[in-house]
Amino acid sequence: MSSFVNDILMQLVAAIAGKPDFSSLTFHIGDGVIRYGSFLTALVTFLLIAAVLFLIVRLVEKLMPPKAANRDCPNCVSSIPIGANVCPFCTREVAPVAAA
């Protein structure tokens, strides 16, 4: 994943921003050096990895088969599978669902 971000995505950032690595960005306060560029590089890398993982998860969710539909038990109002003949919660028989 790191190679993908550094070799591909950060190169796209470089095409837009002019350079893929912001670590040279600093400012001085007295004798101290604040390296905010390193933080920006890490932040951009993190956000890019998070976005790619988010998109992968969304794609996998779309490729997964749909979950079985549920209905409510008329006796105890628990959520039961459509094809259930007996409620697993109250153990009463339930009427079958008419085919749509």
C-alpha atoms as a PDB file:
ATOM      1  CA  MET A   1       0.000   0.000   0.000  1.00  0.00           C
ATOM      2  CA  SER A   2       2.887   2.331   0.769  1.00  0.00           C
ATOM      3  CA  SER A   3       4.364   1.807  -2.689  1.00  0.00           C
ATOM      4  CA  PHE A   4       0.991   2.551  -4.274  1.00  0.00           C
ATOM      5  CA  VAL A   5       0.722   5.810  -2.358  1.00  0.00           C
ATOM      6  CA  ASN A   6       4.341   6.895  -2.839  1.00  0.00           C
ATOM      7  CA  ASP A   7       4.817   5.781  -6.433  1.00  0.00           C
ATOM      8  CA  ILE A   8       1.407   6.561  -7.894  1.00  0.00           C
ATOM      9  CA  LEU A   9      -0.807   8.760  -5.761  1.00  0.00           C
ATOM     10  CA  MET A  10       1.894  11.093  -4.474  1.00  0.00           C
ATOM     11  CA  GLN A  11       3.070  11.528  -8.059  1.00  0.00           C
ATOM     12  CA  LEU A  12      -0.417  12.746  -8.891  1.00  0.00           C
ATOM     13  CA  VAL A  13      -0.129  15.183  -5.988  1.00  0.00           C
ATOM     14  CA  ALA A  14       3.227  16.262  -7.431  1.00  0.00           C
ATOM     15  CA  ALA A  15       1.585  16.930 -10.779  1.00  0.00           C
ATOM     16  CA  ILE A  16      -0.947  19.190  -9.066  1.00  0.00           C
ATOM     17  CA  ALA A  17       1.122  20.791  -6.292  1.00  0.00           C
ATOM     18  CA  GLY A  18       4.532  20.734  -7.957  1.00  0.00           C
ATOM     19  CA  LYS A  19       6.335  18.288  -5.668  1.00  0.00           C
ATOM     20  CA  PRO A  20       5.425  14.947  -4.068  1.00  0.00           C
ATOM     21  CA  ASP A  21       7.274  15.539  -0.812  1.00  0.00           C
ATOM     22  CA  PHE A  22       6.623  18.546   1.383  1.00  0.00           C
ATOM     23  CA  SER A  23       9.290  17.712   3.987  1.00  0.00           C
ATOM     24  CA  SER A  24      11.436  20.655   2.920  1.00  0.00           C
ATOM     25  CA  LEU A  25       8.781  23.071   4.202  1.00  0.00           C
ATOM     26  CA  THR A  26       9.936  24.488   7.537  1.00  0.00           C
ATOM     27  CA  PHE A  27       9.931  27.667   9.547  1.00  0.00           C
ATOM     28  CA  HIS A  28      12.184  28.798  12.363  1.00  0.00           C
ATOM     29  CA  ILE A  29      11.218  30.070  15.778  1.00  0.00           C
ATOM     30  CA  GLY A  30      14.337  31.180  17.589  1.00  0.00           C
ATOM     31  CA  ASP A  31      16.733  28.239  17.461  1.00  0.00           C
ATOM     32  CA  GLY A  32      13.919  25.711  16.842  1.00  0.00           C
ATOM     33  CA  VAL A  33      12.831  24.394  13.492  1.00  0.00           C
ATOM     34  CA  ILE A  34       9.205  23.488  12.875  1.00  0.00           C
ATOM     35  CA  ARG A  35       9.035  20.879  10.106  1.00  0.00           C
ATOM     36  CA  TYR A  36       5.394  21.238   9.145  1.00  0.00           C
ATOM     37  CA  GLY A  37       6.155  19.849   5.683  1.00  0.00           C
ATOM     38  CA  SER A  38       6.839  16.388   7.112  1.00  0.00           C
ATOM     39  CA  PHE A  39       3.494  16.545   8.871  1.00  0.00           C
ATOM     40  CA  LEU A  40       1.755  17.595   5.646  1.00  0.00           C
ATOM     41  CA  THR A  41       3.366  14.716   3.743  1.00  0.00           C
ATOM     42  CA  ALA A  42       2.263  12.223   6.408  1.00  0.00           C
ATOM     43  CA  LEU A  43      -1.234  13.725   6.482  1.00  0.00           C
ATOM     44  CA  VAL A  44      -1.644  13.559   2.701  1.00  0.00           C
ATOM     45  CA  THR A  45      -0.339   9.974   2.681  1.00  0.00           C
ATOM     46  CA  PHE A  46      -2.761   8.981   5.456  1.00  0.00           C
ATOM     47  CA  LEU A  47      -5.735  10.609   3.720  1.00  0.00           C
ATOM     48  CA  LEU A  48      -4.883   8.953   0.414  1.00  0.00           C
ATOM     49  CA  ILE A  49      -4.578   5.517   2.030  1.00  0.00           C
ATOM     50  CA  ALA A  50      -7.851   6.062   3.906  1.00  0.00           C
ATOM     51  CA  ALA A  51      -9.624   7.102   0.694  1.00  0.00           C
ATOM     52  CA  VAL A  52      -8.324   4.074  -1.232  1.00  0.00           C
ATOM     53  CA  LEU A  53      -9.332   1.678   1.560  1.00  0.00           C
ATOM     54  CA  PHE A  54     -12.764   3.326   1.781  1.00  0.00           C
ATOM     55  CA  LEU A  55     -13.280   2.867  -1.951  1.00  0.00           C
ATOM     56  CA  ILE A  56     -12.139  -0.772  -1.773  1.00  0.00           C
ATOM     57  CA  VAL A  57     -14.586  -1.491   1.057  1.00  0.00           C
ATOM     58  CA  ARG A  58     -17.423   0.197  -0.859  1.00  0.00           C
ATOM     59  CA  LEU A  59     -16.614  -1.879  -3.944  1.00  0.00           C
ATOM     60  CA  VAL A  60     -16.557  -5.122  -1.948  1.00  0.00           C
ATOM     61  CA  GLU A  61     -19.916  -4.216  -0.358  1.00  0.00           C
ATOM     62  CA  LYS A  62     -21.436  -3.740  -3.815  1.00  0.00           C
ATOM     63  CA  LEU A  63     -20.039  -7.075  -5.013  1.00  0.00           C
ATOM     64  CA  MET A  64     -21.384  -9.025  -2.024  1.00  0.00           C
ATOM     65  CA  PRO A  65     -24.730 -10.766  -2.484  1.00  0.00           C
ATOM     66  CA  PRO A  66     -27.672  -8.996  -0.843  1.00  0.00           C
ATOM     67  CA  LYS A  67     -28.589 -10.069   2.641  1.00  0.00           C
ATOM     68  CA  ALA A  68     -31.720 -12.127   3.147  1.00  0.00           C
ATOM     69  CA  ALA A  69     -34.753  -9.971   3.795  1.00  0.00           C
ATOM     70  CA  ASN A  70     -36.366 -10.088   7.206  1.00  0.00           C
ATOM     71  CA  ARG A  71     -39.861  -9.530   8.502  1.00  0.00           C
ATOM     72  CA  ASP A  72     -41.316  -8.915  11.931  1.00  0.00           C
ATOM     73  CA  CYS A  73     -42.869 -11.681  13.975  1.00  0.00           C
ATOM     74  CA  PRO A  74     -46.549 -10.740  14.505  1.00  0.00           C
ATOM     75  CA  ASN A  75     -46.427 -12.067  18.084  1.00  0.00           C
ATOM     76  CA  CYS A  76     -43.204 -10.677  19.581  1.00  0.00           C
ATOM     77  CA  VAL A  77     -42.197  -8.147  16.882  1.00  0.00           C
ATOM     78  CA  SER A  78     -38.688  -9.631  16.584  1.00  0.00           C
ATOM     79  CA  SER A  79     -36.962  -9.577  13.234  1.00  0.00           C
ATOM     80  CA  ILE A  80     -37.078 -13.025  11.643  1.00  0.00           C
ATOM     81  CA  PRO A  81     -36.098 -14.351   8.181  1.00  0.00           C
ATOM     82  CA  ILE A  82     -38.772 -14.210   5.465  1.00  0.00           C
ATOM     83  CA  GLY A  83     -38.907 -18.004   5.112  1.00  0.00           C
ATOM     84  CA  ALA A  84     -39.284 -18.756   8.825  1.00  0.00           C
ATOM     85  CA  ASN A  85     -42.287 -20.864   9.873  1.00  0.00           C
ATOM     86  CA  VAL A  86     -41.514 -20.612  13.588  1.00  0.00           C
ATOM     87  CA  CYS A  87     -40.195 -17.551  15.404  1.00  0.00           C
ATOM     88  CA  PRO A  88     -36.853 -18.410  17.050  1.00  0.00           C
ATOM     89  CA  PHE A  89     -37.524 -15.869  19.803  1.00  0.00           C
ATOM     90  CA  CYS A  90     -41.058 -16.633  20.986  1.00  0.00           C
ATOM     91  CA  THR A  91     -41.239 -20.128  19.368  1.00  0.00           C
ATOM     92  CA  ARG A  92     -44.725 -19.522  17.982  1.00  0.00           C
ATOM     93  CA  GLU A  93     -45.710 -20.501  14.488  1.00  0.00           C
ATOM     94  CA  VAL A  94     -45.909 -17.665  11.985  1.00  0.00           C
ATOM     95  CA  ALA A  95     -47.905 -17.583   8.777  1.00  0.00           C
ATOM     96  CA  PRO A  96     -45.898 -18.044   5.585  1.00  0.00           C
ATOM     97  CA  VAL A  97     -45.281 -14.981   3.450  1.00  0.00           C
ATOM     98  CA  ALA A  98     -47.225 -14.828   0.216  1.00  0.00           C
ATOM     99  CA  ALA A  99     -44.982 -14.952  -2.862  1.00  0.00           C
ATOM    100  CA  ALA A 100     -44.641 -11.540  -4.448  1.00  0.00           C
END
